[in-house]
Amino acid sequence: MTDQPQTKNPPKRSRTVARVAAVQALFQCEQGGENAETVINQFQRHRLGSSQEDGFEEGYVPDADFRLFGLIVKGTTLAQDRIDEALVGALPANWPLSRLDPVLRALLRAALWELGEDTPARVVINEYLDVAHGFFSGDEARLVNGVLDAISRNRGAAKEAAGQNEPDAG
C-alpha cells in the first residue's frame, strides 16, 4: 500500500544521528572508563532505535544508522592515540587536549577518525559542525571548524606531497 506513513528519516539524517550518538558514546567511554564494545551494546539495547514517542529529550537516539555508529565508536577508540596526537598538533600550544570540554574532545576525535576514512573532508566538517551546534551554543563550533579544516588541509598536502592524491569522484 502506498498510503503507509513515512517514519524513517532520509539516509543523510540517520547518518547525522549516528554521529550524535557516537559522540555521546565516546563521551561515555571516556568518562565511565568503559570499553567501546560495552558502550555500543548498551546504546543498541537501550538508546538506539525508537518507539514513535521517544526522542533525544528522553535519552534515546532515534533513527540512527547503527552500522555507522559502531564504526565511528570502534574506529575512534582503536585509533585514539594517533587521533589525540593530531589534535594536540592542531591546538594552540597553551591549550592542552585535557583542557577541552569532554564532549568537545569526543566530537573532535570522532570527526578526525572519519577524516581518515572515505568520507569527503567537507562532508565530515559540515556534519560535525551541525553536531557541535547541537551540543554547544558558544564558540565551540568555530573551534571545531578551525581544527578540522586545518587537519584536513594538512592531510591533503601530505598526501599530495607523497603522490597519493586520487582524482575526485565527482
N, C-alpha and C. Protein backbone atom coordinates (compact mmCIF):
# COMPACT_ATOMS: atom_id res chain seq x y z
N MET A 1 0.84 -1.18 0.00
CA MET A 1 0.00 0.00 0.00
C MET A 1 0.88 1.25 0.00
N THR A 2 0.47 2.25 -0.70
CA THR A 2 1.27 3.46 -0.82
C THR A 2 0.93 4.51 0.22
N ASP A 3 -0.17 4.32 0.96
CA ASP A 3 -0.54 5.33 1.96
C ASP A 3 0.03 5.05 3.34
N GLN A 4 1.04 4.19 3.42
CA GLN A 4 1.69 3.89 4.69
C GLN A 4 2.53 5.10 5.12
N PRO A 5 2.46 5.51 6.40
CA PRO A 5 3.21 6.70 6.83
C PRO A 5 4.71 6.48 6.77
N GLN A 6 5.43 7.54 6.46
CA GLN A 6 6.89 7.53 6.43
C GLN A 6 7.40 7.80 7.84
N THR A 7 8.08 6.84 8.44
CA THR A 7 8.58 7.05 9.80
C THR A 7 10.10 7.13 9.85
N LYS A 8 10.77 6.82 8.78
CA LYS A 8 12.23 6.85 8.77
C LYS A 8 12.73 8.18 8.21
N ASN A 9 13.83 8.65 8.78
CA ASN A 9 14.47 9.83 8.23
C ASN A 9 15.22 9.43 6.97
N PRO A 10 15.49 10.39 6.08
CA PRO A 10 16.31 10.04 4.92
C PRO A 10 17.70 9.59 5.38
N PRO A 11 18.42 8.84 4.54
CA PRO A 11 19.71 8.29 4.95
C PRO A 11 20.68 9.32 5.50
N LYS A 12 20.74 10.50 4.92
CA LYS A 12 21.66 11.52 5.41
C LYS A 12 21.36 11.85 6.87
N ARG A 13 20.10 11.98 7.21
CA ARG A 13 19.72 12.31 8.58
C ARG A 13 20.09 11.17 9.53
N SER A 14 19.90 9.93 9.12
CA SER A 14 20.22 8.81 10.00
C SER A 14 21.73 8.76 10.26
N ARG A 15 22.51 9.22 9.31
CA ARG A 15 23.96 9.27 9.49
C ARG A 15 24.34 10.39 10.45
N THR A 16 23.66 11.51 10.37
CA THR A 16 23.90 12.61 11.31
C THR A 16 23.56 12.16 12.73
N VAL A 17 22.43 11.49 12.87
CA VAL A 17 22.01 10.99 14.18
C VAL A 17 23.01 9.97 14.71
N ALA A 18 23.56 9.15 13.82
CA ALA A 18 24.59 8.18 14.24
C ALA A 18 25.82 8.91 14.77
N ARG A 19 26.17 10.02 14.15
CA ARG A 19 27.33 10.80 14.61
C ARG A 19 27.07 11.41 15.99
N VAL A 20 25.86 11.91 16.20
CA VAL A 20 25.50 12.44 17.52
C VAL A 20 25.62 11.33 18.57
N ALA A 21 25.06 10.17 18.26
CA ALA A 21 25.13 9.04 19.19
C ALA A 21 26.57 8.61 19.43
N ALA A 22 27.40 8.63 18.39
CA ALA A 22 28.80 8.23 18.55
C ALA A 22 29.53 9.18 19.49
N VAL A 23 29.27 10.47 19.37
CA VAL A 23 29.89 11.45 20.27
C VAL A 23 29.45 11.16 21.71
N GLN A 24 28.17 10.87 21.91
CA GLN A 24 27.69 10.54 23.25
C GLN A 24 28.35 9.27 23.77
N ALA A 25 28.48 8.27 22.92
CA ALA A 25 29.10 7.01 23.34
C ALA A 25 30.58 7.19 23.66
N LEU A 26 31.28 7.97 22.85
CA LEU A 26 32.71 8.22 23.13
C LEU A 26 32.88 8.99 24.43
N PHE A 27 31.98 9.92 24.70
CA PHE A 27 31.99 10.63 25.98
C PHE A 27 31.82 9.62 27.11
N GLN A 28 30.85 8.71 26.96
CA GLN A 28 30.59 7.71 27.99
C GLN A 28 31.79 6.79 28.17
N CYS A 29 32.45 6.40 27.08
CA CYS A 29 33.65 5.57 27.19
C CYS A 29 34.72 6.26 28.04
N GLU A 30 34.95 7.53 27.74
CA GLU A 30 36.00 8.26 28.46
C GLU A 30 35.61 8.52 29.91
N GLN A 31 34.41 9.00 30.14
CA GLN A 31 34.01 9.38 31.49
C GLN A 31 33.76 8.18 32.39
N GLY A 32 33.22 7.10 31.82
CA GLY A 32 32.90 5.93 32.63
C GLY A 32 34.00 4.87 32.63
N GLY A 33 35.04 5.08 31.80
CA GLY A 33 36.12 4.11 31.72
C GLY A 33 35.68 2.78 31.12
N GLU A 34 34.61 2.82 30.31
CA GLU A 34 34.10 1.59 29.71
C GLU A 34 34.69 1.40 28.32
N ASN A 35 34.80 0.15 27.89
CA ASN A 35 35.34 -0.10 26.55
C ASN A 35 34.26 0.14 25.50
N ALA A 36 34.70 0.27 24.27
CA ALA A 36 33.80 0.61 23.17
C ALA A 36 32.70 -0.44 22.98
N GLU A 37 33.07 -1.71 23.03
CA GLU A 37 32.07 -2.77 22.81
C GLU A 37 30.94 -2.71 23.84
N THR A 38 31.30 -2.49 25.10
CA THR A 38 30.30 -2.40 26.15
C THR A 38 29.35 -1.25 25.90
N VAL A 39 29.89 -0.10 25.56
CA VAL A 39 29.06 1.09 25.34
C VAL A 39 28.20 0.92 24.09
N ILE A 40 28.77 0.36 23.04
CA ILE A 40 27.98 0.13 21.82
C ILE A 40 26.81 -0.79 22.13
N ASN A 41 27.06 -1.86 22.86
CA ASN A 41 25.98 -2.78 23.22
C ASN A 41 24.91 -2.10 24.07
N GLN A 42 25.33 -1.26 25.02
CA GLN A 42 24.37 -0.52 25.83
C GLN A 42 23.51 0.40 24.97
N PHE A 43 24.16 1.12 24.06
CA PHE A 43 23.41 2.02 23.19
C PHE A 43 22.43 1.25 22.32
N GLN A 44 22.87 0.14 21.75
CA GLN A 44 21.99 -0.61 20.86
C GLN A 44 20.82 -1.23 21.62
N ARG A 45 21.03 -1.62 22.85
CA ARG A 45 19.95 -2.22 23.65
C ARG A 45 19.01 -1.17 24.21
N HIS A 46 19.54 -0.03 24.63
CA HIS A 46 18.73 0.89 25.42
C HIS A 46 18.47 2.27 24.82
N ARG A 47 19.27 2.69 23.82
CA ARG A 47 19.14 4.07 23.39
C ARG A 47 18.93 4.26 21.89
N LEU A 48 19.47 3.35 21.08
CA LEU A 48 19.31 3.49 19.64
C LEU A 48 17.98 2.91 19.20
N GLY A 49 17.50 3.38 18.06
CA GLY A 49 16.19 2.99 17.60
C GLY A 49 15.18 3.84 18.32
N SER A 50 13.94 3.63 18.06
CA SER A 50 12.96 4.47 18.74
C SER A 50 11.60 3.82 18.72
N SER A 51 10.86 4.15 19.73
CA SER A 51 9.42 3.96 19.62
C SER A 51 8.96 5.28 19.02
N GLN A 52 7.77 5.38 18.62
CA GLN A 52 7.34 6.58 17.91
C GLN A 52 7.31 7.81 18.80
N GLU A 53 7.28 7.64 20.11
CA GLU A 53 7.20 8.80 21.00
C GLU A 53 8.52 9.17 21.65
N ASP A 54 9.49 8.29 21.63
CA ASP A 54 10.75 8.56 22.31
C ASP A 54 11.68 9.37 21.41
N GLY A 55 12.44 10.27 22.02
CA GLY A 55 13.37 11.08 21.26
C GLY A 55 14.55 11.47 22.10
N PHE A 56 15.33 12.41 21.58
CA PHE A 56 16.55 12.86 22.24
C PHE A 56 16.29 13.32 23.67
N GLU A 57 15.17 13.99 23.89
CA GLU A 57 14.87 14.53 25.22
C GLU A 57 14.76 13.43 26.27
N GLU A 58 14.32 12.25 25.85
CA GLU A 58 14.18 11.13 26.78
C GLU A 58 15.44 10.27 26.85
N GLY A 59 16.50 10.70 26.17
CA GLY A 59 17.75 9.96 26.20
C GLY A 59 17.89 8.92 25.10
N TYR A 60 16.94 8.90 24.18
CA TYR A 60 17.00 7.95 23.07
C TYR A 60 17.60 8.64 21.85
N VAL A 61 18.14 7.81 20.95
CA VAL A 61 18.72 8.31 19.71
C VAL A 61 17.94 7.65 18.58
N PRO A 62 16.87 8.31 18.13
CA PRO A 62 16.00 7.68 17.13
C PRO A 62 16.62 7.68 15.74
N ASP A 63 16.33 6.65 14.98
CA ASP A 63 16.65 6.57 13.55
C ASP A 63 18.14 6.67 13.21
N ALA A 64 19.00 6.21 14.09
CA ALA A 64 20.44 6.26 13.81
C ALA A 64 20.85 5.12 12.88
N ASP A 65 21.85 5.38 12.08
CA ASP A 65 22.48 4.37 11.23
C ASP A 65 23.37 3.53 12.15
N PHE A 66 22.89 2.35 12.55
CA PHE A 66 23.60 1.50 13.52
C PHE A 66 25.01 1.16 13.07
N ARG A 67 25.16 0.85 11.79
CA ARG A 67 26.46 0.45 11.27
C ARG A 67 27.47 1.58 11.41
N LEU A 68 27.10 2.78 10.97
CA LEU A 68 28.00 3.93 11.06
C LEU A 68 28.32 4.24 12.51
N PHE A 69 27.33 4.19 13.37
CA PHE A 69 27.55 4.43 14.80
C PHE A 69 28.65 3.51 15.34
N GLY A 70 28.53 2.22 15.09
CA GLY A 70 29.51 1.26 15.58
C GLY A 70 30.90 1.48 14.99
N LEU A 71 30.94 1.77 13.69
CA LEU A 71 32.23 2.02 13.04
C LEU A 71 32.95 3.22 13.66
N ILE A 72 32.21 4.30 13.89
CA ILE A 72 32.83 5.50 14.46
C ILE A 72 33.34 5.23 15.87
N VAL A 73 32.52 4.61 16.69
CA VAL A 73 32.93 4.38 18.09
C VAL A 73 34.12 3.43 18.15
N LYS A 74 34.05 2.30 17.44
CA LYS A 74 35.16 1.35 17.46
C LYS A 74 36.41 1.95 16.83
N GLY A 75 36.25 2.55 15.66
CA GLY A 75 37.41 3.11 14.96
C GLY A 75 38.09 4.21 15.75
N THR A 76 37.29 5.07 16.37
CA THR A 76 37.86 6.17 17.14
C THR A 76 38.61 5.67 18.36
N THR A 77 38.05 4.70 19.06
CA THR A 77 38.73 4.21 20.26
C THR A 77 40.00 3.45 19.89
N LEU A 78 39.97 2.70 18.80
CA LEU A 78 41.17 1.97 18.38
C LEU A 78 42.30 2.90 17.93
N ALA A 79 41.93 4.03 17.34
CA ALA A 79 42.93 4.97 16.81
C ALA A 79 43.13 6.18 17.71
N GLN A 80 42.66 6.11 18.94
CA GLN A 80 42.65 7.30 19.80
C GLN A 80 44.03 7.92 20.02
N ASP A 81 45.06 7.13 20.18
CA ASP A 81 46.39 7.70 20.40
C ASP A 81 46.84 8.52 19.19
N ARG A 82 46.66 7.97 17.99
CA ARG A 82 47.03 8.69 16.76
C ARG A 82 46.16 9.94 16.59
N ILE A 83 44.87 9.81 16.89
CA ILE A 83 43.95 10.94 16.77
C ILE A 83 44.34 12.04 17.75
N ASP A 84 44.61 11.65 18.99
CA ASP A 84 44.99 12.65 20.00
C ASP A 84 46.28 13.37 19.62
N GLU A 85 47.21 12.65 19.03
CA GLU A 85 48.46 13.27 18.58
C GLU A 85 48.17 14.35 17.52
N ALA A 86 47.28 14.03 16.59
CA ALA A 86 46.90 15.01 15.56
C ALA A 86 46.17 16.20 16.18
N LEU A 87 45.31 15.93 17.15
CA LEU A 87 44.59 17.02 17.82
C LEU A 87 45.54 17.94 18.56
N VAL A 88 46.48 17.36 19.29
CA VAL A 88 47.46 18.16 20.03
C VAL A 88 48.22 19.07 19.07
N GLY A 89 48.57 18.53 17.89
CA GLY A 89 49.28 19.33 16.89
C GLY A 89 48.45 20.45 16.30
N ALA A 90 47.12 20.30 16.33
CA ALA A 90 46.24 21.32 15.74
C ALA A 90 45.79 22.37 16.76
N LEU A 91 45.93 22.07 18.03
CA LEU A 91 45.52 23.02 19.07
C LEU A 91 46.67 23.97 19.40
N PRO A 92 46.35 25.17 19.87
CA PRO A 92 47.42 26.07 20.30
C PRO A 92 48.26 25.43 21.41
N ALA A 93 49.53 25.78 21.45
CA ALA A 93 50.45 25.16 22.41
C ALA A 93 49.99 25.34 23.86
N ASN A 94 49.35 26.45 24.16
CA ASN A 94 48.89 26.70 25.52
C ASN A 94 47.49 26.14 25.78
N TRP A 95 47.01 25.27 24.90
CA TRP A 95 45.68 24.70 25.04
C TRP A 95 45.79 23.18 24.95
N PRO A 96 46.13 22.51 26.06
CA PRO A 96 46.29 21.05 26.02
C PRO A 96 44.95 20.35 25.77
N LEU A 97 45.02 19.15 25.26
CA LEU A 97 43.83 18.36 24.96
C LEU A 97 42.94 18.20 26.19
N SER A 98 43.56 18.05 27.34
CA SER A 98 42.79 17.86 28.58
C SER A 98 41.97 19.08 28.96
N ARG A 99 42.30 20.22 28.40
CA ARG A 99 41.56 21.46 28.70
C ARG A 99 40.23 21.53 27.94
N LEU A 100 40.10 20.76 26.87
CA LEU A 100 38.86 20.76 26.10
C LEU A 100 37.73 20.14 26.90
N ASP A 101 36.53 20.64 26.71
CA ASP A 101 35.34 20.04 27.27
C ASP A 101 35.29 18.57 26.81
N PRO A 102 34.95 17.63 27.68
CA PRO A 102 34.96 16.22 27.29
C PRO A 102 34.06 15.89 26.09
N VAL A 103 32.94 16.57 25.97
CA VAL A 103 32.06 16.34 24.81
C VAL A 103 32.74 16.86 23.54
N LEU A 104 33.38 18.01 23.65
CA LEU A 104 34.09 18.57 22.50
C LEU A 104 35.25 17.66 22.10
N ARG A 105 35.94 17.12 23.08
CA ARG A 105 37.04 16.19 22.81
C ARG A 105 36.50 14.95 22.08
N ALA A 106 35.38 14.41 22.54
CA ALA A 106 34.78 13.24 21.89
C ALA A 106 34.35 13.57 20.46
N LEU A 107 33.78 14.74 20.27
CA LEU A 107 33.34 15.17 18.95
C LEU A 107 34.52 15.29 17.99
N LEU A 108 35.59 15.94 18.43
CA LEU A 108 36.77 16.11 17.58
C LEU A 108 37.42 14.76 17.27
N ARG A 109 37.47 13.87 18.24
CA ARG A 109 38.05 12.55 18.00
C ARG A 109 37.26 11.79 16.93
N ALA A 110 35.93 11.81 17.05
CA ALA A 110 35.09 11.12 16.06
C ALA A 110 35.29 11.72 14.67
N ALA A 111 35.32 13.04 14.61
CA ALA A 111 35.49 13.71 13.32
C ALA A 111 36.85 13.39 12.71
N LEU A 112 37.89 13.37 13.52
CA LEU A 112 39.21 13.05 13.00
C LEU A 112 39.28 11.61 12.50
N TRP A 113 38.62 10.71 13.20
CA TRP A 113 38.60 9.34 12.71
C TRP A 113 37.93 9.30 11.33
N GLU A 114 36.81 9.99 11.19
CA GLU A 114 36.11 9.99 9.89
C GLU A 114 36.93 10.67 8.80
N LEU A 115 37.73 11.66 9.16
CA LEU A 115 38.59 12.29 8.15
C LEU A 115 39.57 11.29 7.55
N GLY A 116 39.92 10.28 8.31
CA GLY A 116 40.83 9.25 7.82
C GLY A 116 40.14 8.17 7.01
N GLU A 117 38.84 8.23 6.92
CA GLU A 117 38.07 7.23 6.16
C GLU A 117 37.73 7.78 4.78
N ASP A 118 36.79 7.15 4.10
CA ASP A 118 36.45 7.52 2.73
C ASP A 118 35.51 8.73 2.62
N THR A 119 35.00 9.21 3.73
CA THR A 119 34.07 10.33 3.69
C THR A 119 34.82 11.60 3.30
N PRO A 120 34.32 12.36 2.32
CA PRO A 120 34.99 13.61 1.92
C PRO A 120 35.11 14.58 3.11
N ALA A 121 36.23 15.28 3.17
CA ALA A 121 36.51 16.19 4.29
C ALA A 121 35.40 17.22 4.47
N ARG A 122 34.89 17.78 3.39
CA ARG A 122 33.85 18.82 3.53
C ARG A 122 32.57 18.25 4.16
N VAL A 123 32.27 16.97 3.89
CA VAL A 123 31.10 16.34 4.49
C VAL A 123 31.34 16.15 5.99
N VAL A 124 32.53 15.65 6.34
CA VAL A 124 32.87 15.44 7.75
C VAL A 124 32.79 16.76 8.51
N ILE A 125 33.40 17.80 7.95
CA ILE A 125 33.41 19.10 8.63
C ILE A 125 31.99 19.63 8.80
N ASN A 126 31.19 19.58 7.75
CA ASN A 126 29.81 20.09 7.85
C ASN A 126 28.98 19.29 8.84
N GLU A 127 29.11 17.97 8.79
CA GLU A 127 28.34 17.12 9.71
C GLU A 127 28.70 17.41 11.16
N TYR A 128 30.00 17.49 11.45
CA TYR A 128 30.40 17.70 12.84
C TYR A 128 30.18 19.14 13.29
N LEU A 129 30.11 20.07 12.37
CA LEU A 129 29.68 21.42 12.74
C LEU A 129 28.22 21.39 13.19
N ASP A 130 27.39 20.66 12.47
CA ASP A 130 25.99 20.51 12.87
C ASP A 130 25.89 19.85 14.24
N VAL A 131 26.70 18.81 14.46
CA VAL A 131 26.69 18.12 15.76
C VAL A 131 27.14 19.09 16.85
N ALA A 132 28.18 19.87 16.58
CA ALA A 132 28.67 20.84 17.57
C ALA A 132 27.60 21.85 17.93
N HIS A 133 26.86 22.33 16.93
CA HIS A 133 25.78 23.29 17.20
C HIS A 133 24.68 22.65 18.05
N GLY A 134 24.51 21.34 17.95
CA GLY A 134 23.53 20.65 18.77
C GLY A 134 23.95 20.54 20.23
N PHE A 135 25.25 20.48 20.49
CA PHE A 135 25.75 20.34 21.85
C PHE A 135 26.12 21.67 22.50
N PHE A 136 26.53 22.64 21.72
CA PHE A 136 27.10 23.87 22.26
C PHE A 136 26.43 25.11 21.66
N SER A 137 26.42 26.17 22.44
CA SER A 137 25.86 27.43 21.93
C SER A 137 26.91 28.53 21.85
N GLY A 138 28.13 28.24 22.23
CA GLY A 138 29.20 29.25 22.22
C GLY A 138 30.11 29.11 21.01
N ASP A 139 31.40 29.38 21.24
CA ASP A 139 32.39 29.39 20.17
C ASP A 139 32.95 28.00 19.83
N GLU A 140 32.42 26.97 20.46
CA GLU A 140 32.95 25.63 20.22
C GLU A 140 32.85 25.22 18.75
N ALA A 141 31.77 25.59 18.09
CA ALA A 141 31.63 25.22 16.67
C ALA A 141 32.72 25.87 15.83
N ARG A 142 33.11 27.09 16.18
CA ARG A 142 34.20 27.74 15.46
C ARG A 142 35.51 26.98 15.66
N LEU A 143 35.73 26.51 16.89
CA LEU A 143 36.92 25.72 17.17
C LEU A 143 36.90 24.42 16.36
N VAL A 144 35.76 23.75 16.33
CA VAL A 144 35.61 22.52 15.55
C VAL A 144 35.95 22.80 14.09
N ASN A 145 35.38 23.85 13.54
CA ASN A 145 35.62 24.20 12.14
C ASN A 145 37.11 24.45 11.89
N GLY A 146 37.75 25.24 12.75
CA GLY A 146 39.15 25.56 12.57
C GLY A 146 40.06 24.36 12.67
N VAL A 147 39.84 23.53 13.68
CA VAL A 147 40.68 22.35 13.89
C VAL A 147 40.51 21.36 12.73
N LEU A 148 39.27 21.07 12.37
CA LEU A 148 39.03 20.10 11.31
C LEU A 148 39.53 20.61 9.96
N ASP A 149 39.34 21.88 9.70
CA ASP A 149 39.82 22.46 8.45
C ASP A 149 41.34 22.37 8.37
N ALA A 150 42.01 22.75 9.45
CA ALA A 150 43.48 22.72 9.47
C ALA A 150 44.00 21.30 9.28
N ILE A 151 43.41 20.35 9.98
CA ILE A 151 43.87 18.97 9.87
C ILE A 151 43.58 18.40 8.49
N SER A 152 42.41 18.70 7.94
CA SER A 152 42.10 18.17 6.60
C SER A 152 43.00 18.78 5.54
N ARG A 153 43.37 20.06 5.68
CA ARG A 153 44.29 20.69 4.73
C ARG A 153 45.69 20.08 4.85
N ASN A 154 46.16 19.88 6.08
CA ASN A 154 47.48 19.28 6.29
C ASN A 154 47.53 17.86 5.74
N ARG A 155 46.48 17.10 5.93
CA ARG A 155 46.45 15.73 5.40
C ARG A 155 46.44 15.75 3.89
N GLY A 156 45.69 16.69 3.32
CA GLY A 156 45.64 16.80 1.87
C GLY A 156 47.00 17.16 1.30
N ALA A 157 47.71 18.08 1.94
CA ALA A 157 49.04 18.48 1.48
C ALA A 157 50.02 17.33 1.62
N ALA A 158 49.93 16.58 2.71
CA ALA A 158 50.83 15.45 2.92
C ALA A 158 50.58 14.37 1.87
N LYS A 159 49.32 14.09 1.56
CA LYS A 159 49.00 13.10 0.54
C LYS A 159 49.51 13.55 -0.83
N GLU A 160 49.32 14.85 -1.12
CA GLU A 160 49.77 15.38 -2.41
C GLU A 160 51.29 15.28 -2.53
N ALA A 161 51.99 15.62 -1.46
CA ALA A 161 53.45 15.56 -1.47
C ALA A 161 53.93 14.12 -1.67
N ALA A 162 53.17 13.17 -1.13
CA ALA A 162 53.54 11.76 -1.26
C ALA A 162 53.02 11.14 -2.54
N GLY A 163 52.32 11.95 -3.35
CA GLY A 163 51.77 11.45 -4.61
C GLY A 163 50.60 10.53 -4.44
N GLN A 164 49.85 10.69 -3.34
CA GLN A 164 48.74 9.79 -3.04
C GLN A 164 47.39 10.38 -3.38
N ASN A 165 47.33 11.56 -3.98
CA ASN A 165 46.03 12.14 -4.29
C ASN A 165 45.33 11.29 -5.33
N GLU A 166 44.06 11.07 -5.09
CA GLU A 166 43.24 10.36 -6.04
C GLU A 166 42.37 11.37 -6.75
N PRO A 167 42.01 11.13 -8.00
CA PRO A 167 41.14 12.07 -8.69
C PRO A 167 39.78 12.13 -8.00
N ASP A 168 39.17 13.30 -8.03
CA ASP A 168 37.85 13.47 -7.44
C ASP A 168 36.85 12.59 -8.17
N ALA A 169 35.98 11.99 -7.39
CA ALA A 169 34.96 11.13 -7.99
C ALA A 169 33.81 11.93 -8.56
N GLY A 170 33.75 13.20 -8.23
CA GLY A 170 32.61 13.99 -8.64
C GLY A 170 32.90 14.72 -9.83
